[in-house]
Amino acid sequence: MVERARVIPAPSAASPGLSPFFGWLVLWGGAAALVAYYVLYESLHFCMHVPRDRWLERTWLFRWLDAHHHLHHQYAFKNLNVVLPLADWLLGSLIPVPVENRLSATRKEQTLSRRVRKESAYPG
């Protein structure tokens, strides 16, 4: 009688008991990241198009993202990402914000330009 060789499975990186938990952890973590990104996108995009001199709008990061986003309105297929322009850079759709638009405007100029934009966009 010929004896058959036994096949011994290779040990996995994670124990079999943790595999289902890790799968669910990744699923829920990914879902939470998507929801957080979407809420951040909607909030920032709303603040960019309906300025009201909120505390967020006075931060240097928001002003930079706002200038980045308004370039998107001049060049439709560029600067597509409102929240994380790193994606634009990686995918080759980034147009850098010109130096004069970055942080050089005074608060008075920013408030005036936002007020003019607000009045022209939303009469009444």
PDB file of N, CA and C in Angstrom:
ATOM      1  N   MET A   1       0.818  -1.174   0.000  1.00  0.00           N
ATOM      2  CA  MET A   1       0.000   0.000   0.000  1.00  0.00           C
ATOM      3  C   MET A   1       0.874   1.255   0.000  1.00  0.00           C
ATOM      4  N   VAL A   2       0.507   2.222  -0.863  1.00  0.00           N
ATOM      5  CA  VAL A   2       1.284   3.459  -0.971  1.00  0.00           C
ATOM      6  C   VAL A   2       0.691   4.503  -0.023  1.00  0.00           C
ATOM      7  N   GLU A   3       1.547   5.080   0.752  1.00  0.00           N
ATOM      8  CA  GLU A   3       1.088   6.108   1.704  1.00  0.00           C
ATOM      9  C   GLU A   3       1.121   7.478   1.035  1.00  0.00           C
ATOM     10  N   ARG A   4       0.039   8.253   1.183  1.00  0.00           N
ATOM     11  CA  ARG A   4      -0.034   9.588   0.594  1.00  0.00           C
ATOM     12  C   ARG A   4       0.635  10.613   1.507  1.00  0.00           C
ATOM     13  N   ALA A   5       1.224  11.604   0.875  1.00  0.00           N
ATOM     14  CA  ALA A   5       1.868  12.670   1.655  1.00  0.00           C
ATOM     15  C   ALA A   5       0.804  13.598   2.218  1.00  0.00           C
ATOM     16  N   ARG A   6       1.018  14.023   3.424  1.00  0.00           N
ATOM     17  CA  ARG A   6       0.079  14.952   4.051  1.00  0.00           C
ATOM     18  C   ARG A   6       0.463  16.383   3.686  1.00  0.00           C
ATOM     19  N   VAL A   7      -0.517  17.188   3.372  1.00  0.00           N
ATOM     20  CA  VAL A   7      -0.287  18.593   3.058  1.00  0.00           C
ATOM     21  C   VAL A   7      -0.551  19.395   4.325  1.00  0.00           C
ATOM     22  N   ILE A   8       0.476  20.104   4.748  1.00  0.00           N
ATOM     23  CA  ILE A   8       0.346  20.935   5.948  1.00  0.00           C
ATOM     24  C   ILE A   8       0.227  22.389   5.497  1.00  0.00           C
ATOM     25  N   PRO A   9      -0.876  23.059   5.846  1.00  0.00           N
ATOM     26  CA  PRO A   9      -1.037  24.451   5.409  1.00  0.00           C
ATOM     27  C   PRO A   9       0.003  25.360   6.062  1.00  0.00           C
ATOM     28  N   ALA A  10       0.433  26.359   5.300  1.00  0.00           N
ATOM     29  CA  ALA A  10       1.404  27.328   5.825  1.00  0.00           C
ATOM     30  C   ALA A  10       0.710  28.204   6.857  1.00  0.00           C
ATOM     31  N   PRO A  11       1.422  28.602   7.894  1.00  0.00           N
ATOM     32  CA  PRO A  11       0.803  29.470   8.899  1.00  0.00           C
ATOM     33  C   PRO A  11       0.461  30.832   8.304  1.00  0.00           C
ATOM     34  N   SER A  12      -0.692  31.356   8.675  1.00  0.00           N
ATOM     35  CA  SER A  12      -1.104  32.661   8.152  1.00  0.00           C
ATOM     36  C   SER A  12      -0.504  33.778   9.001  1.00  0.00           C
ATOM     37  N   ALA A  13      -0.513  34.981   8.450  1.00  0.00           N
ATOM     38  CA  ALA A  13       0.045  36.135   9.161  1.00  0.00           C
ATOM     39  C   ALA A  13      -0.782  36.461  10.401  1.00  0.00           C
ATOM     40  N   ALA A  14      -2.080  36.312  10.292  1.00  0.00           N
ATOM     41  CA  ALA A  14      -2.958  36.560  11.438  1.00  0.00           C
ATOM     42  C   ALA A  14      -3.594  35.244  11.839  1.00  0.00           C
ATOM     43  N   SER A  15      -3.937  35.138  13.093  1.00  0.00           N
ATOM     44  CA  SER A  15      -4.564  33.891  13.527  1.00  0.00           C
ATOM     45  C   SER A  15      -5.958  33.802  12.908  1.00  0.00           C
ATOM     46  N   PRO A  16      -6.437  32.620  12.628  1.00  0.00           N
ATOM     47  CA  PRO A  16      -7.750  32.479  11.993  1.00  0.00           C
ATOM     48  C   PRO A  16      -8.872  33.145  12.783  1.00  0.00           C
ATOM     49  N   GLY A  17      -8.741  33.231  14.066  1.00  0.00           N
ATOM     50  CA  GLY A  17      -9.778  33.861  14.880  1.00  0.00           C
ATOM     51  C   GLY A  17      -9.825  35.373  14.710  1.00  0.00           C
ATOM     52  N   LEU A  18      -8.708  35.997  14.352  1.00  0.00           N
ATOM     53  CA  LEU A  18      -8.676  37.456  14.195  1.00  0.00           C
ATOM     54  C   LEU A  18      -9.031  37.905  12.782  1.00  0.00           C
ATOM     55  N   SER A  19      -8.971  37.017  11.803  1.00  0.00           N
ATOM     56  CA  SER A  19      -9.226  37.415  10.417  1.00  0.00           C
ATOM     57  C   SER A  19     -10.600  38.055  10.211  1.00  0.00           C
ATOM     58  N   PRO A  20     -11.686  37.463  10.698  1.00  0.00           N
ATOM     59  CA  PRO A  20     -12.990  38.113  10.499  1.00  0.00           C
ATOM     60  C   PRO A  20     -13.063  39.465  11.205  1.00  0.00           C
ATOM     61  N   PHE A  21     -12.504  39.564  12.407  1.00  0.00           N
ATOM     62  CA  PHE A  21     -12.539  40.833  13.136  1.00  0.00           C
ATOM     63  C   PHE A  21     -11.759  41.903  12.386  1.00  0.00           C
ATOM     64  N   PHE A  22     -10.585  41.518  11.871  1.00  0.00           N
ATOM     65  CA  PHE A  22      -9.765  42.483  11.144  1.00  0.00           C
ATOM     66  C   PHE A  22     -10.479  42.961   9.886  1.00  0.00           C
ATOM     67  N   GLY A  23     -11.190  42.065   9.214  1.00  0.00           N
ATOM     68  CA  GLY A  23     -11.964  42.437   8.029  1.00  0.00           C
ATOM     69  C   GLY A  23     -13.038  43.455   8.365  1.00  0.00           C
ATOM     70  N   TRP A  24     -13.773  43.223   9.450  1.00  0.00           N
ATOM     71  CA  TRP A  24     -14.808  44.168   9.867  1.00  0.00           C
ATOM     72  C   TRP A  24     -14.202  45.483  10.330  1.00  0.00           C
ATOM     73  N   LEU A  25     -13.058  45.409  10.993  1.00  0.00           N
ATOM     74  CA  LEU A  25     -12.387  46.624  11.451  1.00  0.00           C
ATOM     75  C   LEU A  25     -11.990  47.501  10.267  1.00  0.00           C
ATOM     76  N   VAL A  26     -11.451  46.891   9.241  1.00  0.00           N
ATOM     77  CA  VAL A  26     -11.071  47.638   8.036  1.00  0.00           C
ATOM     78  C   VAL A  26     -12.312  48.197   7.352  1.00  0.00           C
ATOM     79  N   LEU A  27     -13.359  47.405   7.266  1.00  0.00           N
ATOM     80  CA  LEU A  27     -14.594  47.862   6.633  1.00  0.00           C
ATOM     81  C   LEU A  27     -15.169  49.079   7.359  1.00  0.00           C
ATOM     82  N   TRP A  28     -15.314  49.003   8.678  1.00  0.00           N
ATOM     83  CA  TRP A  28     -15.888  50.118   9.435  1.00  0.00           C
ATOM     84  C   TRP A  28     -14.955  51.320   9.479  1.00  0.00           C
ATOM     85  N   GLY A  29     -13.639  51.067   9.533  1.00  0.00           N
ATOM     86  CA  GLY A  29     -12.679  52.173   9.488  1.00  0.00           C
ATOM     87  C   GLY A  29     -12.731  52.901   8.158  1.00  0.00           C
ATOM     88  N   GLY A  30     -12.824  52.149   7.075  1.00  0.00           N
ATOM     89  CA  GLY A  30     -12.948  52.763   5.751  1.00  0.00           C
ATOM     90  C   GLY A  30     -14.250  53.535   5.599  1.00  0.00           C
ATOM     91  N   ALA A  31     -15.342  52.970   6.118  1.00  0.00           N
ATOM     92  CA  ALA A  31     -16.636  53.665   6.049  1.00  0.00           C
ATOM     93  C   ALA A  31     -16.592  54.961   6.867  1.00  0.00           C
ATOM     94  N   ALA A  32     -15.977  54.919   8.044  1.00  0.00           N
ATOM     95  CA  ALA A  32     -15.861  56.123   8.873  1.00  0.00           C
ATOM     96  C   ALA A  32     -15.009  57.189   8.176  1.00  0.00           C
ATOM     97  N   ALA A  33     -13.935  56.762   7.509  1.00  0.00           N
ATOM     98  CA  ALA A  33     -13.081  57.709   6.786  1.00  0.00           C
ATOM     99  C   ALA A  33     -13.844  58.352   5.629  1.00  0.00           C
ATOM    100  N   LEU A  34     -14.640  57.568   4.905  1.00  0.00           N
ATOM    101  CA  LEU A  34     -15.432  58.118   3.802  1.00  0.00           C
ATOM    102  C   LEU A  34     -16.454  59.141   4.300  1.00  0.00           C
ATOM    103  N   VAL A  35     -17.140  58.811   5.388  1.00  0.00           N
ATOM    104  CA  VAL A  35     -18.136  59.735   5.949  1.00  0.00           C
ATOM    105  C   VAL A  35     -17.458  61.013   6.444  1.00  0.00           C
ATOM    106  N   ALA A  36     -16.320  60.877   7.144  1.00  0.00           N
ATOM    107  CA  ALA A  36     -15.603  62.052   7.649  1.00  0.00           C
ATOM    108  C   ALA A  36     -15.129  62.933   6.491  1.00  0.00           C
ATOM    109  N   TYR A  37     -14.606  62.327   5.439  1.00  0.00           N
ATOM    110  CA  TYR A  37     -14.152  63.091   4.278  1.00  0.00           C
ATOM    111  C   TYR A  37     -15.311  63.827   3.630  1.00  0.00           C
ATOM    112  N   TYR A  38     -16.448  63.156   3.466  1.00  0.00           N
ATOM    113  CA  TYR A  38     -17.606  63.766   2.820  1.00  0.00           C
ATOM    114  C   TYR A  38     -18.141  64.936   3.637  1.00  0.00           C
ATOM    115  N   VAL A  39     -18.235  64.777   4.954  1.00  0.00           N
ATOM    116  CA  VAL A  39     -18.715  65.862   5.823  1.00  0.00           C
ATOM    117  C   VAL A  39     -17.747  67.050   5.754  1.00  0.00           C
ATOM    118  N   LEU A  40     -16.447  66.776   5.792  1.00  0.00           N
ATOM    119  CA  LEU A  40     -15.451  67.845   5.693  1.00  0.00           C
ATOM    120  C   LEU A  40     -15.535  68.537   4.339  1.00  0.00           C
ATOM    121  N   TYR A  41     -15.674  67.764   3.268  1.00  0.00           N
ATOM    122  CA  TYR A  41     -15.800  68.348   1.925  1.00  0.00           C
ATOM    123  C   TYR A  41     -17.020  69.258   1.844  1.00  0.00           C
ATOM    124  N   GLU A  42     -18.168  68.771   2.269  1.00  0.00           N
ATOM    125  CA  GLU A  42     -19.396  69.564   2.178  1.00  0.00           C
ATOM    126  C   GLU A  42     -19.299  70.837   3.021  1.00  0.00           C
ATOM    127  N   SER A  43     -18.747  70.720   4.215  1.00  0.00           N
ATOM    128  CA  SER A  43     -18.622  71.884   5.098  1.00  0.00           C
ATOM    129  C   SER A  43     -17.695  72.935   4.503  1.00  0.00           C
ATOM    130  N   LEU A  44     -16.512  72.508   4.060  1.00  0.00           N
ATOM    131  CA  LEU A  44     -15.553  73.456   3.481  1.00  0.00           C
ATOM    132  C   LEU A  44     -16.091  74.068   2.195  1.00  0.00           C
ATOM    133  N   HIS A  45     -16.684  73.253   1.354  1.00  0.00           N
ATOM    134  CA  HIS A  45     -17.203  73.752   0.079  1.00  0.00           C
ATOM    135  C   HIS A  45     -18.317  74.765   0.310  1.00  0.00           C
ATOM    136  N   PHE A  46     -19.184  74.507   1.277  1.00  0.00           N
ATOM    137  CA  PHE A  46     -20.244  75.459   1.609  1.00  0.00           C
ATOM    138  C   PHE A  46     -19.644  76.768   2.102  1.00  0.00           C
ATOM    139  N   CYS A  47     -18.663  76.688   2.988  1.00  0.00           N
ATOM    140  CA  CYS A  47     -18.014  77.906   3.507  1.00  0.00           C
ATOM    141  C   CYS A  47     -17.317  78.689   2.403  1.00  0.00           C
ATOM    142  N   MET A  48     -16.793  77.999   1.405  1.00  0.00           N
ATOM    143  CA  MET A  48     -16.116  78.672   0.299  1.00  0.00           C
ATOM    144  C   MET A  48     -17.094  79.429  -0.585  1.00  0.00           C
ATOM    145  N   HIS A  49     -18.278  78.880  -0.766  1.00  0.00           N
ATOM    146  CA  HIS A  49     -19.247  79.506  -1.664  1.00  0.00           C
ATOM    147  C   HIS A  49     -20.250  80.409  -0.951  1.00  0.00           C
ATOM    148  N   VAL A  50     -20.390  80.265   0.342  1.00  0.00           N
ATOM    149  CA  VAL A  50     -21.291  81.125   1.118  1.00  0.00           C
ATOM    150  C   VAL A  50     -20.494  81.684   2.298  1.00  0.00           C
ATOM    151  N   PRO A  51     -19.602  82.656   2.029  1.00  0.00           N
ATOM    152  CA  PRO A  51     -18.762  83.193   3.107  1.00  0.00           C
ATOM    153  C   PRO A  51     -19.569  84.025   4.097  1.00  0.00           C
ATOM    154  N   ARG A  52     -19.275  83.842   5.370  1.00  0.00           N
ATOM    155  CA  ARG A  52     -19.963  84.604   6.419  1.00  0.00           C
ATOM    156  C   ARG A  52     -19.002  85.038   7.510  1.00  0.00           C
ATOM    157  N   ASP A  53     -17.728  85.100   7.224  1.00  0.00           N
ATOM    158  CA  ASP A  53     -16.702  85.508   8.185  1.00  0.00           C
ATOM    159  C   ASP A  53     -16.701  84.596   9.419  1.00  0.00           C
ATOM    160  N   ARG A  54     -16.795  83.309   9.187  1.00  0.00           N
ATOM    161  CA  ARG A  54     -16.708  82.327  10.269  1.00  0.00           C
ATOM    162  C   ARG A  54     -15.268  82.235  10.745  1.00  0.00           C
ATOM    163  N   TRP A  55     -15.046  81.700  11.934  1.00  0.00           N
ATOM    164  CA  TRP A  55     -13.681  81.587  12.455  1.00  0.00           C
ATOM    165  C   TRP A  55     -12.825  80.735  11.537  1.00  0.00           C
ATOM    166  N   LEU A  56     -13.416  79.697  10.950  1.00  0.00           N
ATOM    167  CA  LEU A  56     -12.689  78.815  10.049  1.00  0.00           C
ATOM    168  C   LEU A  56     -12.171  79.570   8.828  1.00  0.00           C
ATOM    169  N   GLU A  57     -12.979  80.499   8.334  1.00  0.00           N
ATOM    170  CA  GLU A  57     -12.607  81.248   7.137  1.00  0.00           C
ATOM    171  C   GLU A  57     -11.448  82.207   7.378  1.00  0.00           C
ATOM    172  N   ARG A  58     -11.104  82.458   8.598  1.00  0.00           N
ATOM    173  CA  ARG A  58      -9.993  83.360   8.910  1.00  0.00           C
ATOM    174  C   ARG A  58      -8.668  82.629   9.081  1.00  0.00           C
ATOM    175  N   THR A  59      -8.665  81.306   9.015  1.00  0.00           N
ATOM    176  CA  THR A  59      -7.425  80.557   9.189  1.00  0.00           C
ATOM    177  C   THR A  59      -6.631  80.555   7.882  1.00  0.00           C
ATOM    178  N   TRP A  60      -5.306  80.456   8.006  1.00  0.00           N
ATOM    179  CA  TRP A  60      -4.459  80.467   6.797  1.00  0.00           C
ATOM    180  C   TRP A  60      -4.703  79.240   5.938  1.00  0.00           C
ATOM    181  N   LEU A  61      -4.991  78.100   6.553  1.00  0.00           N
ATOM    182  CA  LEU A  61      -5.225  76.880   5.785  1.00  0.00           C
ATOM    183  C   LEU A  61      -6.493  77.000   4.940  1.00  0.00           C
ATOM    184  N   PHE A  62      -7.555  77.532   5.531  1.00  0.00           N
ATOM    185  CA  PHE A  62      -8.797  77.694   4.774  1.00  0.00           C
ATOM    186  C   PHE A  62      -8.601  78.688   3.636  1.00  0.00           C
ATOM    187  N   ARG A  63      -7.901  79.798   3.904  1.00  0.00           N
ATOM    188  CA  ARG A  63      -7.676  80.793   2.846  1.00  0.00           C
ATOM    189  C   ARG A  63      -6.897  80.181   1.690  1.00  0.00           C
ATOM    190  N   TRP A  64      -5.924  79.317   2.015  1.00  0.00           N
ATOM    191  CA  TRP A  64      -5.163  78.658   0.963  1.00  0.00           C
ATOM    192  C   TRP A  64      -6.033  77.678   0.182  1.00  0.00           C
ATOM    193  N   LEU A  65      -6.840  76.875   0.903  1.00  0.00           N
ATOM    194  CA  LEU A  65      -7.740  75.937   0.228  1.00  0.00           C
ATOM    195  C   LEU A  65      -8.778  76.675  -0.618  1.00  0.00           C
ATOM    196  N   ASP A  66      -9.240  77.832  -0.127  1.00  0.00           N
ATOM    197  CA  ASP A  66     -10.215  78.641  -0.857  1.00  0.00           C
ATOM    198  C   ASP A  66      -9.609  79.144  -2.167  1.00  0.00           C
ATOM    199  N   ALA A  67      -8.383  79.671  -2.115  1.00  0.00           N
ATOM    200  CA  ALA A  67      -7.706  80.133  -3.331  1.00  0.00           C
ATOM    201  C   ALA A  67      -7.477  78.957  -4.285  1.00  0.00           C
ATOM    202  N   HIS A  68      -7.099  77.802  -3.736  1.00  0.00           N
ATOM    203  CA  HIS A  68      -6.904  76.586  -4.532  1.00  0.00           C
ATOM    204  C   HIS A  68      -8.207  76.204  -5.227  1.00  0.00           C
ATOM    205  N   HIS A  69      -9.306  76.277  -4.504  1.00  0.00           N
ATOM    206  CA  HIS A  69     -10.600  75.877  -5.065  1.00  0.00           C
ATOM    207  C   HIS A  69     -11.081  76.872  -6.124  1.00  0.00           C
ATOM    208  N   HIS A  70     -10.857  78.154  -5.901  1.00  0.00           N
ATOM    209  CA  HIS A  70     -11.333  79.134  -6.878  1.00  0.00           C
ATOM    210  C   HIS A  70     -10.568  79.046  -8.194  1.00  0.00           C
ATOM    211  N   LEU A  71      -9.346  78.538  -8.171  1.00  0.00           N
ATOM    212  CA  LEU A  71      -8.649  78.250  -9.426  1.00  0.00           C
ATOM    213  C   LEU A  71      -9.370  77.141 -10.190  1.00  0.00           C
ATOM    214  N   HIS A  72     -10.010  76.246  -9.463  1.00  0.00           N
ATOM    215  CA  HIS A  72     -10.785  75.170 -10.102  1.00  0.00           C
ATOM    216  C   HIS A  72     -11.932  75.754 -10.931  1.00  0.00           C
ATOM    217  N   HIS A  73     -12.504  76.862 -10.480  1.00  0.00           N
ATOM    218  CA  HIS A  73     -13.597  77.475 -11.229  1.00  0.00           C
ATOM    219  C   HIS A  73     -13.101  78.164 -12.498  1.00  0.00           C
ATOM    220  N   GLN A  74     -11.820  78.497 -12.551  1.00  0.00           N
ATOM    221  CA  GLN A  74     -11.248  79.077 -13.778  1.00  0.00           C
ATOM    222  C   GLN A  74     -10.813  77.978 -14.747  1.00  0.00           C
ATOM    223  N   TYR A  75     -10.320  76.861 -14.213  1.00  0.00           N
ATOM    224  CA  TYR A  75      -9.847  75.736 -15.019  1.00  0.00           C
ATOM    225  C   TYR A  75     -10.598  74.490 -14.551  1.00  0.00           C
ATOM    226  N   ALA A  76     -11.639  74.135 -15.286  1.00  0.00           N
ATOM    227  CA  ALA A  76     -12.607  73.133 -14.826  1.00  0.00           C
ATOM    228  C   ALA A  76     -12.011  71.775 -14.446  1.00  0.00           C
ATOM    229  N   PHE A  77     -10.996  71.309 -15.132  1.00  0.00           N
ATOM    230  CA  PHE A  77     -10.470  69.978 -14.854  1.00  0.00           C
ATOM    231  C   PHE A  77      -9.181  70.016 -14.044  1.00  0.00           C
ATOM    232  N   LYS A  78      -8.956  71.094 -13.327  1.00  0.00           N
ATOM    233  CA  LYS A  78      -7.781  71.241 -12.472  1.00  0.00           C
ATOM    234  C   LYS A  78      -8.235  71.520 -11.044  1.00  0.00           C
ATOM    235  N   ASN A  79      -7.360  71.255 -10.069  1.00  0.00           N
ATOM    236  CA  ASN A  79      -7.635  71.524  -8.649  1.00  0.00           C
ATOM    237  C   ASN A  79      -9.007  70.989  -8.236  1.00  0.00           C
ATOM    238  N   LEU A  80      -9.222  69.722  -8.485  1.00  0.00           N
ATOM    239  CA  LEU A  80     -10.529  69.114  -8.232  1.00  0.00           C
ATOM    240  C   LEU A  80     -10.777  68.793  -6.762  1.00  0.00           C
ATOM    241  N   ASN A  81      -9.731  68.592  -5.994  1.00  0.00           N
ATOM    242  CA  ASN A  81      -9.899  68.150  -4.619  1.00  0.00           C
ATOM    243  C   ASN A  81      -9.918  69.326  -3.659  1.00  0.00           C
ATOM    244  N   VAL A  82     -11.035  69.546  -2.986  1.00  0.00           N
ATOM    245  CA  VAL A  82     -11.195  70.666  -2.066  1.00  0.00           C
ATOM    246  C   VAL A  82     -10.485  70.405  -0.745  1.00  0.00           C
ATOM    247  N   VAL A  83     -10.556  69.196  -0.235  1.00  0.00           N
ATOM    248  CA  VAL A  83     -10.062  68.888   1.106  1.00  0.00           C
ATOM    249  C   VAL A  83      -8.572  68.563   1.129  1.00  0.00           C
ATOM    250  N   LEU A  84      -8.102  67.786   0.166  1.00  0.00           N
ATOM    251  CA  LEU A  84      -6.722  67.301   0.195  1.00  0.00           C
ATOM    252  C   LEU A  84      -6.072  67.475  -1.178  1.00  0.00           C
ATOM    253  N   PRO A  85      -5.477  68.652  -1.447  1.00  0.00           N
ATOM    254  CA  PRO A  85      -4.868  68.895  -2.759  1.00  0.00           C
ATOM    255  C   PRO A  85      -3.706  67.959  -3.093  1.00  0.00           C
ATOM    256  N   LEU A  86      -3.261  67.162  -2.142  1.00  0.00           N
ATOM    257  CA  LEU A  86      -2.219  66.179  -2.413  1.00  0.00           C
ATOM    258  C   LEU A  86      -2.660  65.246  -3.542  1.00  0.00           C
ATOM    259  N   ALA A  87      -3.935  64.911  -3.580  1.00  0.00           N
ATOM    260  CA  ALA A  87      -4.458  64.048  -4.642  1.00  0.00           C
ATOM    261  C   ALA A  87      -4.315  64.727  -6.005  1.00  0.00           C
ATOM    262  N   ASP A  88      -4.543  66.037  -6.081  1.00  0.00           N
ATOM    263  CA  ASP A  88      -4.355  66.763  -7.335  1.00  0.00           C
ATOM    264  C   ASP A  88      -2.891  66.701  -7.771  1.00  0.00           C
ATOM    265  N   TRP A  89      -1.992  66.842  -6.824  1.00  0.00           N
ATOM    266  CA  TRP A  89      -0.567  66.800  -7.131  1.00  0.00           C
ATOM    267  C   TRP A  89      -0.180  65.415  -7.661  1.00  0.00           C
ATOM    268  N   LEU A  90      -0.651  64.369  -6.979  1.00  0.00           N
ATOM    269  CA  LEU A  90      -0.316  63.009  -7.392  1.00  0.00           C
ATOM    270  C   LEU A  90      -0.882  62.656  -8.766  1.00  0.00           C
ATOM    271  N   LEU A  91      -2.078  63.168  -9.075  1.00  0.00           N
ATOM    272  CA  LEU A  91      -2.734  62.829 -10.332  1.00  0.00           C
ATOM    273  C   LEU A  91      -2.454  63.819 -11.453  1.00  0.00           C
ATOM    274  N   GLY A  92      -1.639  64.846 -11.165  1.00  0.00           N
ATOM    275  CA  GLY A  92      -1.228  65.793 -12.200  1.00  0.00           C
ATOM    276  C   GLY A  92      -2.254  66.851 -12.550  1.00  0.00           C
ATOM    277  N   SER A  93      -3.233  67.092 -11.690  1.00  0.00           N
ATOM    278  CA  SER A  93      -4.248  68.117 -11.980  1.00  0.00           C
ATOM    279  C   SER A  93      -4.086  69.356 -11.100  1.00  0.00           C
ATOM    280  N   LEU A  94      -2.929  69.507 -10.467  1.00  0.00           N
ATOM    281  CA  LEU A  94      -2.701  70.636  -9.560  1.00  0.00           C
ATOM    282  C   LEU A  94      -2.193  71.858 -10.308  1.00  0.00           C
ATOM    283  N   ILE A  95      -2.839  73.000 -10.060  1.00  0.00           N
ATOM    284  CA  ILE A  95      -2.322  74.299 -10.475  1.00  0.00           C
ATOM    285  C   ILE A  95      -1.972  75.013  -9.180  1.00  0.00           C
ATOM    286  N   PRO A  96      -0.703  75.327  -8.942  1.00  0.00           N
ATOM    287  CA  PRO A  96      -0.336  75.991  -7.690  1.00  0.00           C
ATOM    288  C   PRO A  96      -0.998  77.368  -7.570  1.00  0.00           C
ATOM    289  N   VAL A  97      -1.338  77.737  -6.344  1.00  0.00           N
ATOM    290  CA  VAL A  97      -1.935  79.041  -6.077  1.00  0.00           C
ATOM    291  C   VAL A  97      -0.850  80.095  -6.269  1.00  0.00           C
ATOM    292  N   PRO A  98      -1.102  81.143  -7.088  1.00  0.00           N
ATOM    293  CA  PRO A  98      -0.099  82.191  -7.269  1.00  0.00           C
ATOM    294  C   PRO A  98       0.255  82.863  -5.944  1.00  0.00           C
ATOM    295  N   VAL A  99       1.474  83.332  -5.849  1.00  0.00           N
ATOM    296  CA  VAL A  99       1.973  83.917  -4.607  1.00  0.00           C
ATOM    297  C   VAL A  99       1.104  85.080  -4.159  1.00  0.00           C
ATOM    298  N   GLU A 100       0.664  85.931  -5.074  1.00  0.00           N
ATOM    299  CA  GLU A 100      -0.127  87.096  -4.671  1.00  0.00           C
ATOM    300  C   GLU A 100      -1.489  86.719  -4.105  1.00  0.00           C
ATOM    301  N   ASN A 101      -1.973  85.506  -4.381  1.00  0.00           N
ATOM    302  CA  ASN A 101      -3.273  85.074  -3.861  1.00  0.00           C
ATOM    303  C   ASN A 101      -3.171  84.291  -2.568  1.00  0.00           C
ATOM    304  N   ARG A 102      -1.970  83.889  -2.172  1.00  0.00           N
ATOM    305  CA  ARG A 102      -1.840  82.981  -1.032  1.00  0.00           C
ATOM    306  C   ARG A 102      -2.263  83.627   0.271  1.00  0.00           C
ATOM    307  N   LEU A 103      -1.342  84.254   0.927  1.00  0.00           N
ATOM    308  CA  LEU A 103      -1.626  84.791   2.255  1.00  0.00           C
ATOM    309  C   LEU A 103      -1.329  86.285   2.331  1.00  0.00           C
ATOM    310  N   SER A 104      -1.095  86.922   1.184  1.00  0.00           N
ATOM    311  CA  SER A 104      -0.660  88.301   1.207  1.00  0.00           C
ATOM    312  C   SER A 104      -1.794  89.297   1.432  1.00  0.00           C
ATOM    313  N   ALA A 105      -3.022  88.920   1.141  1.00  0.00           N
ATOM    314  CA  ALA A 105      -4.135  89.855   1.294  1.00  0.00           C
ATOM    315  C   ALA A 105      -4.391  90.149   2.767  1.00  0.00           C
ATOM    316  N   THR A 106      -4.658  91.389   3.054  1.00  0.00           N
ATOM    317  CA  THR A 106      -4.961  91.756   4.440  1.00  0.00           C
ATOM    318  C   THR A 106      -6.366  91.313   4.784  1.00  0.00           C
ATOM    319  N   ARG A 107      -6.688  91.313   6.058  1.00  0.00           N
ATOM    320  CA  ARG A 107      -8.025  90.907   6.478  1.00  0.00           C
ATOM    321  C   ARG A 107      -9.090  91.841   5.909  1.00  0.00           C
ATOM    322  N   LYS A 108      -8.758  93.119   5.838  1.00  0.00           N
ATOM    323  CA  LYS A 108      -9.713  94.094   5.313  1.00  0.00           C
ATOM    324  C   LYS A 108     -10.027  93.776   3.845  1.00  0.00           C
ATOM    325  N   GLU A 109      -9.001  93.475   3.044  1.00  0.00           N
ATOM    326  CA  GLU A 109      -9.207  93.136   1.639  1.00  0.00           C
ATOM    327  C   GLU A 109     -10.008  91.848   1.496  1.00  0.00           C
ATOM    328  N   GLN A 110      -9.721  90.866   2.335  1.00  0.00           N
ATOM    329  CA  GLN A 110     -10.440  89.597   2.271  1.00  0.00           C
ATOM    330  C   GLN A 110     -11.902  89.790   2.617  1.00  0.00           C
ATOM    331  N   THR A 111     -12.158  90.553   3.675  1.00  0.00           N
ATOM    332  CA  THR A 111     -13.541  90.790   4.084  1.00  0.00           C
ATOM    333  C   THR A 111     -14.297  91.518   2.993  1.00  0.00           C
ATOM    334  N   LEU A 112     -13.647  92.521   2.382  1.00  0.00           N
ATOM    335  CA  LEU A 112     -14.295  93.276   1.317  1.00  0.00           C
ATOM    336  C   LEU A 112     -14.583  92.377   0.120  1.00  0.00           C
ATOM    337  N   SER A 113     -13.598  91.574  -0.297  1.00  0.00           N
ATOM    338  CA  SER A 113     -13.809  90.718  -1.468  1.00  0.00           C
ATOM    339  C   SER A 113     -14.886  89.679  -1.184  1.00  0.00           C
ATOM    340  N   ARG A 114     -14.930  89.132   0.039  1.00  0.00           N
ATOM    341  CA  ARG A 114     -15.970  88.165   0.384  1.00  0.00           C
ATOM    342  C   ARG A 114     -17.345  88.824   0.408  1.00  0.00           C
ATOM    343  N   ARG A 115     -17.412  90.051   0.930  1.00  0.00           N
ATOM    344  CA  ARG A 115     -18.689  90.757   0.978  1.00  0.00           C
ATOM    345  C   ARG A 115     -19.196  91.021  -0.434  1.00  0.00           C
ATOM    346  N   VAL A 116     -18.291  91.439  -1.333  1.00  0.00           N
ATOM    347  CA  VAL A 116     -18.681  91.684  -2.720  1.00  0.00           C
ATOM    348  C   VAL A 116     -19.149  90.391  -3.376  1.00  0.00           C
ATOM    349  N   ARG A 117     -18.403  89.294  -3.157  1.00  0.00           N
ATOM    350  CA  ARG A 117     -18.800  87.997  -3.714  1.00  0.00           C
ATOM    351  C   ARG A 117     -20.156  87.573  -3.178  1.00  0.00           C
ATOM    352  N   LYS A 118     -20.350  87.763  -1.882  1.00  0.00           N
ATOM    353  CA  LYS A 118     -21.604  87.352  -1.242  1.00  0.00           C
ATOM    354  C   LYS A 118     -22.781  88.160  -1.794  1.00  0.00           C
ATOM    355  N   GLU A 119     -22.591  89.473  -1.923  1.00  0.00           N
ATOM    356  CA  GLU A 119     -23.686  90.323  -2.394  1.00  0.00           C
ATOM    357  C   GLU A 119     -24.007  90.045  -3.859  1.00  0.00           C
ATOM    358  N   SER A 120     -22.976  89.781  -4.658  1.00  0.00           N
ATOM    359  CA  SER A 120     -23.228  89.526  -6.072  1.00  0.00           C
ATOM    360  C   SER A 120     -23.839  88.138  -6.292  1.00  0.00           C
ATOM    361  N   ALA A 121     -23.489  87.183  -5.443  1.00  0.00           N
ATOM    362  CA  ALA A 121     -23.998  85.814  -5.617  1.00  0.00           C
ATOM    363  C   ALA A 121     -25.393  85.641  -5.034  1.00  0.00           C
ATOM    364  N   TYR A 122     -25.681  86.335  -3.964  1.00  0.00           N
ATOM    365  CA  TYR A 122     -26.959  86.166  -3.269  1.00  0.00           C
ATOM    366  C   TYR A 122     -27.608  87.517  -3.014  1.00  0.00           C
ATOM    367  N   PRO A 123     -28.265  88.092  -4.025  1.00  0.00           N
ATOM    368  CA  PRO A 123     -28.919  89.381  -3.814  1.00  0.00           C
ATOM    369  C   PRO A 123     -30.098  89.239  -2.867  1.00  0.00           C
ATOM    370  N   GLY A 124     -30.290  90.285  -2.080  1.00  0.00           N
ATOM    371  CA  GLY A 124     -31.461  90.289  -1.204  1.00  0.00           C
ATOM    372  C   GLY A 124     -31.059  90.072   0.159  1.00  0.00           C
TER     373      GLY A 124
END
